[in-house]
Amino acid sequence: MRFEIIMNMPVRGNDAQPPALIHRIIIEYPCSDLVEFLNETIDDDFIIVEEFYPGKFSKEYESHGLVALNRRYIGKIKQWERK
């Protein structure tokens, strides 16, 4: 299942002055719903997820591999409906 996650941390490569203090990522995790994903994040400080970014030549999101996500910086999680 895919989720949009808002992280409370600076955005890398952002030219904004002052720098933006939130980071938005799209992830995929093998679970059936938001509650199940939330329960997974409660047990450990880090959870391994697959990260997605918009493609360079299309609007389709492409995998950028696995990443360890630190739950301590998560500010918001919602189910991601787009492809």
PDB file of N, CA and C in Angstrom:
ATOM      1  N   MET A   1       0.842  -1.160   0.000  1.00  0.00           N
ATOM      2  CA  MET A   1       0.000   0.000   0.000  1.00  0.00           C
ATOM      3  C   MET A   1       0.899   1.239   0.000  1.00  0.00           C
ATOM      4  N   ARG A   2       0.488   2.265  -0.714  1.00  0.00           N
ATOM      5  CA  ARG A   2       1.281   3.503  -0.779  1.00  0.00           C
ATOM      6  C   ARG A   2       0.741   4.553   0.176  1.00  0.00           C
ATOM      7  N   PHE A   3       1.690   5.336   0.710  1.00  0.00           N
ATOM      8  CA  PHE A   3       1.349   6.407   1.639  1.00  0.00           C
ATOM      9  C   PHE A   3       2.138   7.661   1.314  1.00  0.00           C
ATOM     10  N   GLU A   4       1.530   8.803   1.599  1.00  0.00           N
ATOM     11  CA  GLU A   4       2.225  10.082   1.575  1.00  0.00           C
ATOM     12  C   GLU A   4       2.616  10.368   3.025  1.00  0.00           C
ATOM     13  N   ILE A   5       3.892  10.679   3.237  1.00  0.00           N
ATOM     14  CA  ILE A   5       4.378  10.938   4.588  1.00  0.00           C
ATOM     15  C   ILE A   5       4.988  12.337   4.619  1.00  0.00           C
ATOM     16  N   ILE A   6       4.581  13.111   5.602  1.00  0.00           N
ATOM     17  CA  ILE A   6       5.170  14.429   5.831  1.00  0.00           C
ATOM     18  C   ILE A   6       6.115  14.273   7.017  1.00  0.00           C
ATOM     19  N   MET A   7       7.392  14.555   6.766  1.00  0.00           N
ATOM     20  CA  MET A   7       8.423  14.430   7.793  1.00  0.00           C
ATOM     21  C   MET A   7       8.779  15.822   8.314  1.00  0.00           C
ATOM     22  N   ASN A   8       8.977  15.927   9.612  1.00  0.00           N
ATOM     23  CA  ASN A   8       9.402  17.188  10.230  1.00  0.00           C
ATOM     24  C   ASN A   8      10.925  17.253  10.212  1.00  0.00           C
ATOM     25  N   MET A   9      11.455  17.620   9.032  1.00  0.00           N
ATOM     26  CA  MET A   9      12.898  17.710   8.841  1.00  0.00           C
ATOM     27  C   MET A   9      13.170  18.574   7.618  1.00  0.00           C
ATOM     28  N   PRO A  10      14.341  19.194   7.517  1.00  0.00           N
ATOM     29  CA  PRO A  10      14.640  20.066   6.370  1.00  0.00           C
ATOM     30  C   PRO A  10      14.645  19.317   5.047  1.00  0.00           C
ATOM     31  N   VAL A  11      14.328  20.031   3.986  1.00  0.00           N
ATOM     32  CA  VAL A  11      14.333  19.482   2.627  1.00  0.00           C
ATOM     33  C   VAL A  11      15.713  19.691   2.025  1.00  0.00           C
ATOM     34  N   ARG A  12      16.309  18.626   1.522  1.00  0.00           N
ATOM     35  CA  ARG A  12      17.625  18.684   0.881  1.00  0.00           C
ATOM     36  C   ARG A  12      17.514  19.380  -0.472  1.00  0.00           C
ATOM     37  N   GLY A  13      18.458  20.270  -0.770  1.00  0.00           N
ATOM     38  CA  GLY A  13      18.511  20.911  -2.074  1.00  0.00           C
ATOM     39  C   GLY A  13      17.462  21.975  -2.296  1.00  0.00           C
ATOM     40  N   ASN A  14      16.817  22.424  -1.251  1.00  0.00           N
ATOM     41  CA  ASN A  14      15.799  23.463  -1.375  1.00  0.00           C
ATOM     42  C   ASN A  14      16.468  24.828  -1.281  1.00  0.00           C
ATOM     43  N   ASP A  15      16.180  25.731  -2.238  1.00  0.00           N
ATOM     44  CA  ASP A  15      16.789  27.059  -2.250  1.00  0.00           C
ATOM     45  C   ASP A  15      15.999  28.082  -1.442  1.00  0.00           C
ATOM     46  N   ALA A  16      14.923  27.643  -0.803  1.00  0.00           N
ATOM     47  CA  ALA A  16      14.081  28.567  -0.035  1.00  0.00           C
ATOM     48  C   ALA A  16      14.873  29.169   1.125  1.00  0.00           C
ATOM     49  N   GLN A  17      14.617  30.423   1.391  1.00  0.00           N
ATOM     50  CA  GLN A  17      15.254  31.119   2.510  1.00  0.00           C
ATOM     51  C   GLN A  17      14.187  31.638   3.432  1.00  0.00           C
ATOM     52  N   PRO A  18      14.031  31.194   4.632  1.00  0.00           N
ATOM     53  CA  PRO A  18      14.793  30.116   5.245  1.00  0.00           C
ATOM     54  C   PRO A  18      14.392  28.766   4.660  1.00  0.00           C
ATOM     55  N   PRO A  19      15.216  27.729   4.861  1.00  0.00           N
ATOM     56  CA  PRO A  19      14.914  26.413   4.282  1.00  0.00           C
ATOM     57  C   PRO A  19      13.589  25.852   4.790  1.00  0.00           C
ATOM     58  N   ALA A  20      12.900  25.130   3.922  1.00  0.00           N
ATOM     59  CA  ALA A  20      11.659  24.463   4.315  1.00  0.00           C
ATOM     60  C   ALA A  20      11.976  23.422   5.377  1.00  0.00           C
ATOM     61  N   LEU A  21      11.123  23.335   6.391  1.00  0.00           N
ATOM     62  CA  LEU A  21      11.393  22.430   7.505  1.00  0.00           C
ATOM     63  C   LEU A  21      10.552  21.164   7.472  1.00  0.00           C
ATOM     64  N   ILE A  22       9.911  20.895   6.331  1.00  0.00           N
ATOM     65  CA  ILE A  22       9.196  19.635   6.184  1.00  0.00           C
ATOM     66  C   ILE A  22       9.653  18.943   4.904  1.00  0.00           C
ATOM     67  N   HIS A  23       9.529  17.634   4.895  1.00  0.00           N
ATOM     68  CA  HIS A  23       9.958  16.824   3.763  1.00  0.00           C
ATOM     69  C   HIS A  23       8.825  15.862   3.432  1.00  0.00           C
ATOM     70  N   ARG A  24       8.344  15.885   2.194  1.00  0.00           N
ATOM     71  CA  ARG A  24       7.235  15.036   1.759  1.00  0.00           C
ATOM     72  C   ARG A  24       7.788  13.882   0.948  1.00  0.00           C
ATOM     73  N   ILE A  25       7.396  12.649   1.314  1.00  0.00           N
ATOM     74  CA  ILE A  25       7.818  11.481   0.547  1.00  0.00           C
ATOM     75  C   ILE A  25       6.629  10.570   0.288  1.00  0.00           C
ATOM     76  N   ILE A  26       6.728   9.822  -0.793  1.00  0.00           N
ATOM     77  CA  ILE A  26       5.745   8.798  -1.140  1.00  0.00           C
ATOM     78  C   ILE A  26       6.437   7.457  -0.921  1.00  0.00           C
ATOM     79  N   ILE A  27       5.792   6.589  -0.146  1.00  0.00           N
ATOM     80  CA  ILE A  27       6.394   5.292   0.166  1.00  0.00           C
ATOM     81  C   ILE A  27       5.396   4.171  -0.086  1.00  0.00           C
ATOM     82  N   GLU A  28       5.936   2.974  -0.180  1.00  0.00           N
ATOM     83  CA  GLU A  28       5.100   1.782  -0.281  1.00  0.00           C
ATOM     84  C   GLU A  28       5.555   0.811   0.803  1.00  0.00           C
ATOM     85  N   TYR A  29       4.552   0.173   1.446  1.00  0.00           N
ATOM     86  CA  TYR A  29       4.836  -0.776   2.517  1.00  0.00           C
ATOM     87  C   TYR A  29       3.807  -1.897   2.432  1.00  0.00           C
ATOM     88  N   PRO A  30       4.238  -3.154   2.615  1.00  0.00           N
ATOM     89  CA  PRO A  30       3.294  -4.280   2.490  1.00  0.00           C
ATOM     90  C   PRO A  30       2.361  -4.373   3.702  1.00  0.00           C
ATOM     91  N   CYS A  31       1.231  -3.700   3.617  1.00  0.00           N
ATOM     92  CA  CYS A  31       0.213  -3.748   4.668  1.00  0.00           C
ATOM     93  C   CYS A  31      -1.152  -3.549   4.012  1.00  0.00           C
ATOM     94  N   SER A  32      -2.210  -3.749   4.790  1.00  0.00           N
ATOM     95  CA  SER A  32      -3.551  -3.674   4.213  1.00  0.00           C
ATOM     96  C   SER A  32      -4.240  -2.329   4.402  1.00  0.00           C
ATOM     97  N   ASP A  33      -3.785  -1.531   5.390  1.00  0.00           N
ATOM     98  CA  ASP A  33      -4.425  -0.233   5.617  1.00  0.00           C
ATOM     99  C   ASP A  33      -3.542   0.666   6.480  1.00  0.00           C
ATOM    100  N   LEU A  34      -4.003   1.879   6.702  1.00  0.00           N
ATOM    101  CA  LEU A  34      -3.259   2.875   7.464  1.00  0.00           C
ATOM    102  C   LEU A  34      -3.026   2.431   8.909  1.00  0.00           C
ATOM    103  N   VAL A  35      -4.018   1.818   9.522  1.00  0.00           N
ATOM    104  CA  VAL A  35      -3.886   1.377  10.917  1.00  0.00           C
ATOM    105  C   VAL A  35      -2.772   0.333  11.047  1.00  0.00           C
ATOM    106  N   GLU A  36      -2.728  -0.602  10.120  1.00  0.00           N
ATOM    107  CA  GLU A  36      -1.679  -1.620  10.159  1.00  0.00           C
ATOM    108  C   GLU A  36      -0.298  -0.980  10.004  1.00  0.00           C
ATOM    109  N   PHE A  37      -0.176  -0.021   9.081  1.00  0.00           N
ATOM    110  CA  PHE A  37       1.107   0.671   8.903  1.00  0.00           C
ATOM    111  C   PHE A  37       1.490   1.430  10.169  1.00  0.00           C
ATOM    112  N   LEU A  38       0.544   2.120  10.756  1.00  0.00           N
ATOM    113  CA  LEU A  38       0.807   2.867  11.989  1.00  0.00           C
ATOM    114  C   LEU A  38       1.285   1.931  13.099  1.00  0.00           C
ATOM    115  N   ASN A  39       0.649   0.790  13.240  1.00  0.00           N
ATOM    116  CA  ASN A  39       1.073  -0.177  14.256  1.00  0.00           C
ATOM    117  C   ASN A  39       2.502  -0.659  14.022  1.00  0.00           C
ATOM    118  N   GLU A  40       2.903  -0.785  12.762  1.00  0.00           N
ATOM    119  CA  GLU A  40       4.277  -1.183  12.447  1.00  0.00           C
ATOM    120  C   GLU A  40       5.270  -0.103  12.884  1.00  0.00           C
ATOM    121  N   THR A  41       4.900   1.155  12.737  1.00  0.00           N
ATOM    122  CA  THR A  41       5.824   2.242  13.096  1.00  0.00           C
ATOM    123  C   THR A  41       5.953   2.411  14.598  1.00  0.00           C
ATOM    124  N   ILE A  42       5.005   1.945  15.353  1.00  0.00           N
ATOM    125  CA  ILE A  42       5.039   2.099  16.810  1.00  0.00           C
ATOM    126  C   ILE A  42       6.101   1.200  17.440  1.00  0.00           C
ATOM    127  N   ASP A  43       6.342   0.034  16.871  1.00  0.00           N
ATOM    128  CA  ASP A  43       7.221  -0.960  17.479  1.00  0.00           C
ATOM    129  C   ASP A  43       8.709  -0.637  17.384  1.00  0.00           C
ATOM    130  N   ASP A  44       9.140   0.033  16.328  1.00  0.00           N
ATOM    131  CA  ASP A  44      10.567   0.288  16.100  1.00  0.00           C
ATOM    132  C   ASP A  44      10.803   1.749  15.735  1.00  0.00           C
ATOM    133  N   ASP A  45      12.029   2.233  16.003  1.00  0.00           N
ATOM    134  CA  ASP A  45      12.366   3.606  15.604  1.00  0.00           C
ATOM    135  C   ASP A  45      12.458   3.749  14.092  1.00  0.00           C
ATOM    136  N   PHE A  46      12.908   2.693  13.409  1.00  0.00           N
ATOM    137  CA  PHE A  46      13.047   2.720  11.956  1.00  0.00           C
ATOM    138  C   PHE A  46      12.183   1.632  11.338  1.00  0.00           C
ATOM    139  N   ILE A  47      11.675   1.925  10.151  1.00  0.00           N
ATOM    140  CA  ILE A  47      10.916   0.948   9.376  1.00  0.00           C
ATOM    141  C   ILE A  47      11.427   1.033   7.935  1.00  0.00           C
ATOM    142  N   ILE A  48      11.636  -0.112   7.293  1.00  0.00           N
ATOM    143  CA  ILE A  48      12.137  -0.121   5.917  1.00  0.00           C
ATOM    144  C   ILE A  48      10.957  -0.061   4.959  1.00  0.00           C
ATOM    145  N   VAL A  49      11.000   0.934   4.070  1.00  0.00           N
ATOM    146  CA  VAL A  49       9.937   1.178   3.096  1.00  0.00           C
ATOM    147  C   VAL A  49      10.566   1.371   1.715  1.00  0.00           C
ATOM    148  N   GLU A  50       9.741   1.280   0.682  1.00  0.00           N
ATOM    149  CA  GLU A  50      10.195   1.583  -0.670  1.00  0.00           C
ATOM    150  C   GLU A  50       9.776   3.017  -0.985  1.00  0.00           C
ATOM    151  N   GLU A  51      10.733   3.818  -1.441  1.00  0.00           N
ATOM    152  CA  GLU A  51      10.483   5.240  -1.702  1.00  0.00           C
ATOM    153  C   GLU A  51      10.230   5.477  -3.190  1.00  0.00           C
ATOM    154  N   PHE A  52       9.294   6.375  -3.504  1.00  0.00           N
ATOM    155  CA  PHE A  52       8.919   6.680  -4.885  1.00  0.00           C
ATOM    156  C   PHE A  52       9.032   8.179  -5.159  1.00  0.00           C
ATOM    157  N   TYR A  53       9.467   8.512  -6.393  1.00  0.00           N
ATOM    158  CA  TYR A  53       9.540   9.892  -6.863  1.00  0.00           C
ATOM    159  C   TYR A  53       8.854   9.971  -8.225  1.00  0.00           C
ATOM    160  N   PRO A  54       8.370  11.160  -8.604  1.00  0.00           N
ATOM    161  CA  PRO A  54       7.802  11.303  -9.951  1.00  0.00           C
ATOM    162  C   PRO A  54       8.890  11.021 -10.995  1.00  0.00           C
ATOM    163  N   GLY A  55       8.493  10.383 -12.081  1.00  0.00           N
ATOM    164  CA  GLY A  55       9.435  10.096 -13.155  1.00  0.00           C
ATOM    165  C   GLY A  55       9.900  11.370 -13.843  1.00  0.00           C
ATOM    166  N   LYS A  56      11.083  11.318 -14.456  1.00  0.00           N
ATOM    167  CA  LYS A  56      11.614  12.486 -15.161  1.00  0.00           C
ATOM    168  C   LYS A  56      10.807  12.832 -16.398  1.00  0.00           C
ATOM    169  N   PHE A  57      10.259  11.814 -17.061  1.00  0.00           N
ATOM    170  CA  PHE A  57       9.593  12.039 -18.339  1.00  0.00           C
ATOM    171  C   PHE A  57       8.113  11.693 -18.314  1.00  0.00           C
ATOM    172  N   SER A  58       7.577  11.360 -17.139  1.00  0.00           N
ATOM    173  CA  SER A  58       6.156  11.057 -17.032  1.00  0.00           C
ATOM    174  C   SER A  58       5.668  11.434 -15.645  1.00  0.00           C
ATOM    175  N   LYS A  59       4.371  11.360 -15.452  1.00  0.00           N
ATOM    176  CA  LYS A  59       3.796  11.668 -14.156  1.00  0.00           C
ATOM    177  C   LYS A  59       3.726  10.433 -13.258  1.00  0.00           C
ATOM    178  N   GLU A  60       4.121   9.286 -13.803  1.00  0.00           N
ATOM    179  CA  GLU A  60       4.127   8.048 -13.027  1.00  0.00           C
ATOM    180  C   GLU A  60       5.243   8.097 -11.991  1.00  0.00           C
ATOM    181  N   TYR A  61       4.954   7.608 -10.801  1.00  0.00           N
ATOM    182  CA  TYR A  61       5.964   7.555  -9.757  1.00  0.00           C
ATOM    183  C   TYR A  61       6.822   6.312  -9.935  1.00  0.00           C
ATOM    184  N   GLU A  62       8.149   6.482  -9.797  1.00  0.00           N
ATOM    185  CA  GLU A  62       9.095   5.398  -9.998  1.00  0.00           C
ATOM    186  C   GLU A  62       9.812   5.081  -8.691  1.00  0.00           C
ATOM    187  N   SER A  63      10.096   3.810  -8.475  1.00  0.00           N
ATOM    188  CA  SER A  63      10.796   3.382  -7.272  1.00  0.00           C
ATOM    189  C   SER A  63      12.221   3.911  -7.255  1.00  0.00           C
ATOM    190  N   HIS A  64      12.637   4.371  -6.091  1.00  0.00           N
ATOM    191  CA  HIS A  64      14.028   4.775  -5.878  1.00  0.00           C
ATOM    192  C   HIS A  64      14.665   3.889  -4.816  1.00  0.00           C
ATOM    193  N   GLY A  65      14.082   2.710  -4.626  1.00  0.00           N
ATOM    194  CA  GLY A  65      14.666   1.718  -3.746  1.00  0.00           C
ATOM    195  C   GLY A  65      14.199   1.799  -2.305  1.00  0.00           C
ATOM    196  N   LEU A  66      14.832   0.972  -1.503  1.00  0.00           N
ATOM    197  CA  LEU A  66      14.460   0.885  -0.094  1.00  0.00           C
ATOM    198  C   LEU A  66      15.147   1.975   0.715  1.00  0.00           C
ATOM    199  N   VAL A  67      14.455   2.424   1.768  1.00  0.00           N
ATOM    200  CA  VAL A  67      15.001   3.428   2.672  1.00  0.00           C
ATOM    201  C   VAL A  67      14.515   3.101   4.084  1.00  0.00           C
ATOM    202  N   ALA A  68      15.362   3.362   5.070  1.00  0.00           N
ATOM    203  CA  ALA A  68      14.971   3.199   6.467  1.00  0.00           C
ATOM    204  C   ALA A  68      14.377   4.527   6.927  1.00  0.00           C
ATOM    205  N   LEU A  69      13.124   4.502   7.296  1.00  0.00           N
ATOM    206  CA  LEU A  69      12.376   5.701   7.675  1.00  0.00           C
ATOM    207  C   LEU A  69      12.329   5.805   9.199  1.00  0.00           C
ATOM    208  N   ASN A  70      12.759   6.941   9.748  1.00  0.00           N
ATOM    209  CA  ASN A  70      12.755   7.147  11.191  1.00  0.00           C
ATOM    210  C   ASN A  70      11.404   7.705  11.615  1.00  0.00           C
ATOM    211  N   ARG A  71      10.651   6.921  12.362  1.00  0.00           N
ATOM    212  CA  ARG A  71       9.289   7.307  12.757  1.00  0.00           C
ATOM    213  C   ARG A  71       9.250   8.536  13.648  1.00  0.00           C
ATOM    214  N   ARG A  72      10.349   8.873  14.303  1.00  0.00           N
ATOM    215  CA  ARG A  72      10.365  10.021  15.212  1.00  0.00           C
ATOM    216  C   ARG A  72      10.158  11.350  14.491  1.00  0.00           C
ATOM    217  N   TYR A  73      10.372  11.372  13.185  1.00  0.00           N
ATOM    218  CA  TYR A  73      10.232  12.608  12.417  1.00  0.00           C
ATOM    219  C   TYR A  73       8.949  12.670  11.602  1.00  0.00           C
ATOM    220  N   ILE A  74       8.093  11.656  11.719  1.00  0.00           N
ATOM    221  CA  ILE A  74       6.840  11.640  10.959  1.00  0.00           C
ATOM    222  C   ILE A  74       5.852  12.605  11.592  1.00  0.00           C
ATOM    223  N   GLY A  75       5.323  13.511  10.778  1.00  0.00           N
ATOM    224  CA  GLY A  75       4.321  14.461  11.246  1.00  0.00           C
ATOM    225  C   GLY A  75       2.924  14.101  10.769  1.00  0.00           C
ATOM    226  N   LYS A  76       2.834  13.434   9.610  1.00  0.00           N
ATOM    227  CA  LYS A  76       1.524  13.100   9.046  1.00  0.00           C
ATOM    228  C   LYS A  76       1.676  11.919   8.089  1.00  0.00           C
ATOM    229  N   ILE A  77       0.681  11.030   8.100  1.00  0.00           N
ATOM    230  CA  ILE A  77       0.648   9.891   7.180  1.00  0.00           C
ATOM    231  C   ILE A  77      -0.751   9.822   6.587  1.00  0.00           C
ATOM    232  N   LYS A  78      -0.834   9.671   5.272  1.00  0.00           N
ATOM    233  CA  LYS A  78      -2.138   9.416   4.658  1.00  0.00           C
ATOM    234  C   LYS A  78      -1.972   8.458   3.495  1.00  0.00           C
ATOM    235  N   GLN A  79      -3.026   7.725   3.224  1.00  0.00           N
ATOM    236  CA  GLN A  79      -3.004   6.777   2.107  1.00  0.00           C
ATOM    237  C   GLN A  79      -2.855   7.560   0.815  1.00  0.00           C
ATOM    238  N   TRP A  80      -2.016   7.041  -0.080  1.00  0.00           N
ATOM    239  CA  TRP A  80      -1.723   7.694  -1.362  1.00  0.00           C
ATOM    240  C   TRP A  80      -2.548   7.009  -2.446  1.00  0.00           C
ATOM    241  N   GLU A  81      -3.408   7.755  -3.095  1.00  0.00           N
ATOM    242  CA  GLU A  81      -4.318   7.197  -4.106  1.00  0.00           C
ATOM    243  C   GLU A  81      -3.777   7.288  -5.525  1.00  0.00           C
ATOM    244  N   ARG A  82      -2.861   8.237  -5.773  1.00  0.00           N
ATOM    245  CA  ARG A  82      -2.349   8.405  -7.129  1.00  0.00           C
ATOM    246  C   ARG A  82      -1.349   7.327  -7.485  1.00  0.00           C
ATOM    247  N   LYS A  83      -1.085   7.172  -8.783  1.00  0.00           N
ATOM    248  CA  LYS A  83      -0.083   6.201  -9.251  1.00  0.00           C
ATOM    249  C   LYS A  83       1.222   6.862  -9.493  1.00  0.00           C
TER     250      LYS A  83
END
